[in-house]
Amino acid sequence: MEHATRTPAPPPAGDRRERAPARGQGGVRRALTRRNRPGQWAAWAFLTPLVVYLLAFYAYPLYRNVELSLRDYTVRSFVRGDAPFTGLANYLKVVRDATFGPALWHTVVFTVVSLVFQFTIGLALAMFFTRRFRLSATLRALFLVPWLLPLIVSSSTWSWMLNSDSGVVNAVLGAVGLVPVHWLTSPDWALWSVTIANIWIGIPFNLVVLHSGLQAIPAQVHEAAEIDGATGWTRFRRVTFPLLRPVSAITLLLGLVYTLKVFDIIWIMTKGGPSGASTTLATWSYRLGFGNLLPAFGPGAAVGNLLIVIALVFGLVYIRVQRRQGTA
């Protein structure tokens, strides 16, 4: 009996059409992956320096600061690296210290007063410079000088101006018949003196950011409000300021973070004195860690971490508010 050799029947045309694209898609994916691989390596190459910078100058110092605050460091144990672990003892020591309450209050006053006046004056100047007139660009550039000067120069200049004996401010007061003020050596005036200097230094930043925000508001919005009969104050209150709210929020947040950590202005002008009258958390942290013959590294780091937590809380509040506004 003869057995016929049977060849398998070819798959239906529909199956061939279904399988072919599957093999083709896999090949396309592999080809695209190979094609995009140089671009991915280039992206990682550009990203690596930033990651290294953040780890070296942000993550590691923050880790070391937290580690310092959780151990009982002395100069000897700092060198040898054998400081005993104390947990939250340094934080409890800081909170129970007699300096903590006044320093916290001085920080609040210094920060709030600085932010209010920096933002208000900066916004007024930004509104003023929205009008085009001769030398407006030159005047705006001159207002940036306090921001561009090194802080040590600005602080030293204010120290000279507010000097009780040879300062320009007291000379002007004497010329008009007023009693000279001990700006930097009086417990009643020291904190206000450093606050005034900090306001002067921070106004240009608010001016630049808020002026940019005002330039981004379409002119048609103001024209429509003017056609509707809105006065200048009504346009600002009902149109300009609400549209400027996102820029205002980030300006205040950045100003808050900067003002919380202000150290050099206060230290150069008053060193936190007299008798702690202008001591803030930032200057107290420095004094604990570096301002004594027997430095207290742990408590100093704990005060610095408290400042970080305060700034972080306000940052989280800002993010939450922005998300609510985005979903509204």
Protein backbone atom coordinates (compact mmCIF):
# COMPACT_ATOMS: atom_id res chain seq x y z
CA MET A 1 0.00 0.00 0.00
CA GLU A 2 1.44 3.34 -0.97
CA HIS A 3 1.53 6.08 1.60
CA ALA A 4 1.23 9.53 0.12
CA THR A 5 3.43 12.18 1.71
CA ARG A 6 1.28 14.94 2.93
CA THR A 7 2.61 18.42 3.43
CA PRO A 8 1.03 20.52 6.15
CA ALA A 9 -1.52 22.93 4.91
CA PRO A 10 -0.45 26.55 4.97
CA PRO A 11 -2.07 28.66 7.66
CA PRO A 12 -5.06 30.69 6.63
CA ALA A 13 -4.43 34.05 5.16
CA GLY A 14 -5.96 35.72 8.19
CA ASP A 15 -3.40 34.03 10.52
CA ARG A 16 -0.55 35.18 8.35
CA ARG A 17 -1.86 38.71 8.50
CA GLU A 18 -2.17 38.55 12.29
CA ARG A 19 1.31 37.05 12.96
CA ALA A 20 3.27 39.21 10.60
CA PRO A 21 2.47 42.46 12.37
CA ALA A 22 3.41 40.88 15.73
CA ARG A 23 6.89 40.06 14.50
CA GLY A 24 7.07 43.44 12.83
CA GLN A 25 6.09 45.35 15.99
CA GLY A 26 8.76 43.59 18.06
CA GLY A 27 11.35 44.46 15.48
CA VAL A 28 10.18 48.06 15.38
CA ARG A 29 10.44 48.32 19.18
CA ARG A 30 13.94 46.90 19.21
CA ALA A 31 14.96 49.21 16.39
CA LEU A 32 13.52 52.23 18.17
CA THR A 33 15.27 51.20 21.41
CA ARG A 34 18.59 50.91 19.63
CA ARG A 35 17.98 54.21 17.90
CA ASN A 36 17.04 56.03 21.12
CA ARG A 37 19.84 54.53 23.20
CA PRO A 38 22.41 57.24 22.29
CA GLY A 39 19.88 59.89 23.30
CA GLN A 40 19.25 58.16 26.63
CA TRP A 41 22.97 57.95 27.34
CA ALA A 42 23.28 61.65 26.51
CA ALA A 43 20.40 62.49 28.87
CA TRP A 44 22.06 60.54 31.71
CA ALA A 45 25.36 62.23 30.94
CA PHE A 46 23.77 65.66 31.35
CA LEU A 47 21.84 64.56 34.46
CA THR A 48 24.77 62.97 36.29
CA PRO A 49 26.60 66.22 37.25
CA LEU A 50 23.36 67.62 38.70
CA VAL A 51 22.73 64.46 40.73
CA VAL A 52 26.31 64.45 42.02
CA TYR A 53 26.02 68.13 42.94
CA LEU A 54 22.74 67.61 44.83
CA LEU A 55 24.10 64.59 46.69
CA ALA A 56 27.40 66.25 47.58
CA PHE A 57 26.17 69.72 48.56
CA TYR A 58 22.59 69.08 49.74
CA ALA A 59 21.87 65.49 50.67
CA TYR A 60 25.16 64.74 52.46
CA PRO A 61 25.31 67.99 54.46
CA LEU A 62 21.68 67.48 55.49
CA TYR A 63 22.45 63.94 56.57
CA ARG A 64 25.49 65.12 58.54
CA ASN A 65 23.47 67.86 60.20
CA VAL A 66 20.81 65.38 61.31
CA GLU A 67 23.51 62.99 62.52
CA LEU A 68 25.21 65.77 64.47
CA SER A 69 21.96 66.65 66.20
CA LEU A 70 21.42 63.06 67.36
CA ARG A 71 24.82 62.65 69.06
CA ASP A 72 26.76 64.29 71.88
CA TYR A 73 29.65 65.76 69.94
CA THR A 74 32.63 67.47 71.49
CA VAL A 75 35.76 68.66 69.71
CA ARG A 76 37.53 65.42 70.65
CA SER A 77 34.67 63.11 69.65
CA PHE A 78 34.18 65.10 66.44
CA VAL A 79 37.77 64.37 65.43
CA ARG A 80 37.74 60.76 66.60
CA GLY A 81 34.20 60.03 65.41
CA ASP A 82 33.10 58.23 68.56
CA ALA A 83 30.33 60.54 69.81
CA PRO A 84 27.65 58.67 71.76
CA PHE A 85 24.12 58.50 70.39
CA THR A 86 21.68 60.64 72.42
CA GLY A 87 18.52 60.61 70.31
CA LEU A 88 16.38 63.72 70.72
CA ALA A 89 18.23 64.95 73.80
CA ASN A 90 19.80 67.87 71.90
CA TYR A 91 16.38 69.00 70.67
CA LEU A 92 14.97 68.88 74.20
CA LYS A 93 17.98 70.81 75.46
CA VAL A 94 17.46 73.50 72.82
CA VAL A 95 13.72 73.87 73.44
CA ARG A 96 14.24 74.11 77.21
CA ASP A 97 17.03 76.66 76.88
CA ALA A 98 16.20 80.20 78.04
CA THR A 99 17.43 81.59 74.73
CA PHE A 100 14.98 79.56 72.62
CA GLY A 101 11.85 81.63 73.32
CA PRO A 102 13.35 85.07 72.63
CA ALA A 103 15.28 83.77 69.60
CA LEU A 104 12.11 82.25 68.13
CA TRP A 105 10.18 85.47 68.72
CA HIS A 106 12.95 87.58 67.16
CA THR A 107 12.96 85.24 64.15
CA VAL A 108 9.20 85.62 63.71
CA VAL A 109 9.31 89.42 64.00
CA PHE A 110 12.35 89.73 61.74
CA THR A 111 10.82 87.43 59.11
CA VAL A 112 7.25 88.77 59.09
CA VAL A 113 8.17 92.47 59.12
CA SER A 114 10.80 91.93 56.41
CA LEU A 115 8.40 90.02 54.16
CA VAL A 116 5.55 92.53 54.56
CA PHE A 117 7.65 95.58 53.73
CA GLN A 118 9.76 93.90 51.04
CA PHE A 119 6.66 92.64 49.24
CA THR A 120 4.65 95.86 49.64
CA ILE A 121 7.42 98.20 48.53
CA GLY A 122 8.51 95.81 45.77
CA LEU A 123 4.94 95.59 44.44
CA ALA A 124 4.51 99.37 44.54
CA LEU A 125 7.75 99.84 42.60
CA ALA A 126 6.78 97.10 40.13
CA MET A 127 3.45 98.86 39.49
CA PHE A 128 5.32 102.15 39.07
CA PHE A 129 7.72 100.72 36.50
CA THR A 130 4.91 99.25 34.38
CA ARG A 131 4.51 102.80 33.07
CA ARG A 132 6.92 103.63 30.31
CA PHE A 133 8.84 106.85 30.72
CA ARG A 134 12.31 108.14 30.15
CA LEU A 135 15.08 106.51 32.16
CA SER A 136 12.70 103.85 33.52
CA ALA A 137 15.12 101.08 32.57
CA THR A 138 18.03 102.97 34.15
CA LEU A 139 16.15 103.56 37.39
CA ARG A 140 15.08 99.92 37.51
CA ALA A 141 18.68 98.85 37.08
CA LEU A 142 19.77 101.17 39.91
CA PHE A 143 17.21 99.57 42.22
CA LEU A 144 19.00 96.26 41.68
CA VAL A 145 22.22 97.54 43.28
CA PRO A 146 21.35 96.42 46.84
CA TRP A 147 20.64 92.93 45.54
CA LEU A 148 23.87 92.74 43.54
CA LEU A 149 26.19 93.94 46.30
CA PRO A 150 27.83 91.30 48.50
CA LEU A 151 26.02 91.02 51.82
CA ILE A 152 29.15 91.87 53.77
CA VAL A 153 29.38 95.18 51.88
CA SER A 154 25.71 96.02 52.42
CA SER A 155 25.83 95.07 56.10
CA SER A 156 29.02 97.02 56.73
CA THR A 157 27.52 100.07 55.01
CA TRP A 158 24.43 99.94 57.21
CA SER A 159 26.61 99.48 60.30
CA TRP A 160 28.48 102.66 59.40
CA MET A 161 25.29 104.59 58.61
CA LEU A 162 23.64 103.56 61.91
CA ASN A 163 26.71 104.10 64.07
CA SER A 164 25.74 105.98 67.23
CA ASP A 165 28.67 108.43 67.14
CA SER A 166 29.65 108.91 63.49
CA GLY A 167 26.69 107.53 61.54
CA VAL A 168 24.96 109.46 58.77
CA VAL A 169 21.50 108.75 60.15
CA ASN A 170 22.22 110.27 63.55
CA ALA A 171 23.93 113.22 61.85
CA VAL A 172 20.73 113.91 59.91
CA LEU A 173 18.63 113.53 63.07
CA GLY A 174 20.90 115.97 64.91
CA ALA A 175 20.70 118.44 62.03
CA VAL A 176 16.90 118.61 62.30
CA GLY A 177 16.99 118.90 66.10
CA LEU A 178 16.15 115.30 67.04
CA VAL A 179 17.90 113.20 69.67
CA PRO A 180 20.39 110.67 68.26
CA VAL A 181 19.38 107.01 68.54
CA HIS A 182 21.64 104.14 69.59
CA TRP A 183 20.54 101.97 66.65
CA LEU A 184 22.93 99.05 67.10
CA THR A 185 23.69 99.19 70.81
CA SER A 186 20.22 99.66 72.28
CA PRO A 187 18.12 96.55 73.07
CA ASP A 188 15.05 98.47 71.91
CA TRP A 189 16.45 99.33 68.47
CA ALA A 190 18.93 96.58 67.51
CA LEU A 191 16.37 94.17 66.05
CA TRP A 192 14.63 96.94 64.12
CA SER A 193 17.95 98.16 62.73
CA VAL A 194 18.89 94.79 61.23
CA THR A 195 15.31 94.40 59.97
CA ILE A 196 15.50 97.73 58.13
CA ALA A 197 18.78 96.68 56.51
CA ASN A 198 17.30 93.34 55.46
CA ILE A 199 14.23 95.07 53.97
CA TRP A 200 16.46 97.33 51.90
CA ILE A 201 18.44 94.36 50.61
CA GLY A 202 15.35 92.28 49.72
CA ILE A 203 13.27 94.90 47.89
CA PRO A 204 15.03 94.45 44.49
CA PHE A 205 14.23 90.71 44.39
CA ASN A 206 10.52 91.40 44.92
CA LEU A 207 10.65 94.18 42.35
CA VAL A 208 12.15 91.97 39.65
CA VAL A 209 9.85 88.98 40.17
CA LEU A 210 6.64 90.99 40.59
CA HIS A 211 7.46 93.22 37.62
CA SER A 212 7.88 90.12 35.47
CA GLY A 213 4.51 88.85 36.71
CA LEU A 214 2.83 92.15 35.85
CA GLN A 215 4.32 92.08 32.36
CA ALA A 216 2.74 88.65 31.81
CA ILE A 217 -0.81 89.96 32.42
CA PRO A 218 -2.47 90.68 29.05
CA ALA A 219 -3.15 94.37 28.39
CA GLN A 220 -6.62 93.47 27.05
CA VAL A 221 -7.71 92.53 30.58
CA HIS A 222 -6.92 96.00 31.91
CA GLU A 223 -8.53 97.63 28.88
CA ALA A 224 -11.72 95.64 29.37
CA ALA A 225 -11.88 96.61 33.05
CA GLU A 226 -11.30 100.25 32.16
CA ILE A 227 -14.10 100.15 29.58
CA ASP A 228 -16.40 98.72 32.26
CA GLY A 229 -15.71 101.83 34.33
CA ALA A 230 -13.37 100.34 36.94
CA THR A 231 -11.16 102.86 38.71
CA GLY A 232 -7.42 102.38 39.15
CA TRP A 233 -7.73 100.94 42.67
CA THR A 234 -10.63 98.69 41.63
CA ARG A 235 -8.65 97.37 38.66
CA PHE A 236 -5.71 96.59 40.92
CA ARG A 237 -7.84 94.93 43.61
CA ARG A 238 -10.19 92.98 41.36
CA VAL A 239 -8.04 92.30 38.27
CA THR A 240 -4.29 92.81 38.72
CA PHE A 241 -3.72 91.36 42.17
CA PRO A 242 -5.79 88.16 41.65
CA LEU A 243 -3.94 87.46 38.39
CA LEU A 244 -0.65 88.14 40.17
CA ARG A 245 -1.46 85.73 43.02
CA PRO A 246 0.65 82.75 41.77
CA VAL A 247 3.70 84.97 41.32
CA SER A 248 3.05 86.61 44.69
CA ALA A 249 2.87 83.23 46.41
CA ILE A 250 6.20 81.99 45.09
CA THR A 251 7.80 85.39 45.83
CA LEU A 252 6.68 85.24 49.46
CA LEU A 253 7.76 81.61 49.80
CA LEU A 254 11.26 82.29 48.47
CA GLY A 255 11.47 85.41 50.63
CA LEU A 256 10.44 83.39 53.67
CA VAL A 257 13.09 80.72 53.08
CA TYR A 258 15.76 83.36 52.51
CA THR A 259 14.79 85.48 55.54
CA LEU A 260 14.66 82.50 57.90
CA LYS A 261 18.30 81.72 57.21
CA VAL A 262 19.62 85.30 57.27
CA PHE A 263 22.77 85.25 59.36
CA ASP A 264 25.47 87.49 57.92
CA ILE A 265 23.47 90.74 58.07
CA ILE A 266 22.67 90.30 61.77
CA TRP A 267 26.08 88.97 62.71
CA ILE A 268 28.00 91.78 61.01
CA MET A 269 25.76 94.54 62.39
CA THR A 270 25.04 93.41 65.97
CA LYS A 271 26.32 89.82 66.45
CA GLY A 272 22.89 89.08 67.90
CA GLY A 273 23.30 91.66 70.66
CA PRO A 274 23.14 93.61 72.74
CA SER A 275 22.27 91.03 75.39
CA GLY A 276 20.61 88.83 72.78
CA ALA A 277 18.18 91.55 71.69
CA SER A 278 18.65 90.70 67.99
CA THR A 279 19.47 86.99 68.31
CA THR A 280 17.52 84.81 65.87
CA LEU A 281 17.54 81.04 65.43
CA ALA A 282 20.12 81.36 62.65
CA THR A 283 22.59 83.41 64.70
CA TRP A 284 21.97 81.26 67.78
CA SER A 285 22.76 78.12 65.78
CA TYR A 286 26.06 79.63 64.65
CA ARG A 287 26.93 80.82 68.15
CA LEU A 288 26.29 77.36 69.61
CA GLY A 289 28.37 75.58 66.99
CA PHE A 290 31.20 78.02 66.33
CA GLY A 291 30.92 81.07 68.56
CA ASN A 292 32.25 79.57 71.79
CA LEU A 293 35.55 78.17 72.95
CA LEU A 294 33.71 74.90 73.74
CA PRO A 295 31.37 74.48 70.76
CA ALA A 296 28.09 72.60 71.17
CA PHE A 297 27.83 70.93 67.77
CA GLY A 298 24.75 68.87 68.63
CA PRO A 299 22.49 71.69 69.89
CA GLY A 300 23.71 73.97 67.09
CA ALA A 301 22.77 71.37 64.48
CA ALA A 302 19.41 70.86 66.22
CA VAL A 303 18.57 74.57 65.90
CA GLY A 304 19.53 74.47 62.23
CA ASN A 305 17.28 71.47 61.67
CA LEU A 306 14.38 73.31 63.31
CA LEU A 307 14.83 76.09 60.75
CA ILE A 308 14.79 73.51 57.95
CA VAL A 309 11.57 72.00 59.31
CA ILE A 310 9.89 75.42 59.49
CA ALA A 311 10.83 76.19 55.87
CA LEU A 312 9.69 72.70 54.81
CA VAL A 313 6.29 73.16 56.47
CA PHE A 314 5.65 76.40 54.62
CA GLY A 315 6.82 74.78 51.37
CA LEU A 316 4.35 71.92 51.82
CA VAL A 317 1.57 74.40 52.59
CA TYR A 318 2.38 76.26 49.37
CA ILE A 319 2.28 73.03 47.33
CA ARG A 320 -1.06 72.06 48.87
CA VAL A 321 -2.59 75.47 48.14
CA GLN A 322 -1.34 75.36 44.55
CA ARG A 323 -2.88 71.91 44.06
CA ARG A 324 -6.23 73.08 45.43
CA GLN A 325 -6.20 76.07 43.10
CA GLY A 326 -5.29 73.82 40.18
CA THR A 327 -8.20 71.44 40.83
CA ALA A 328 -10.70 74.22 41.56
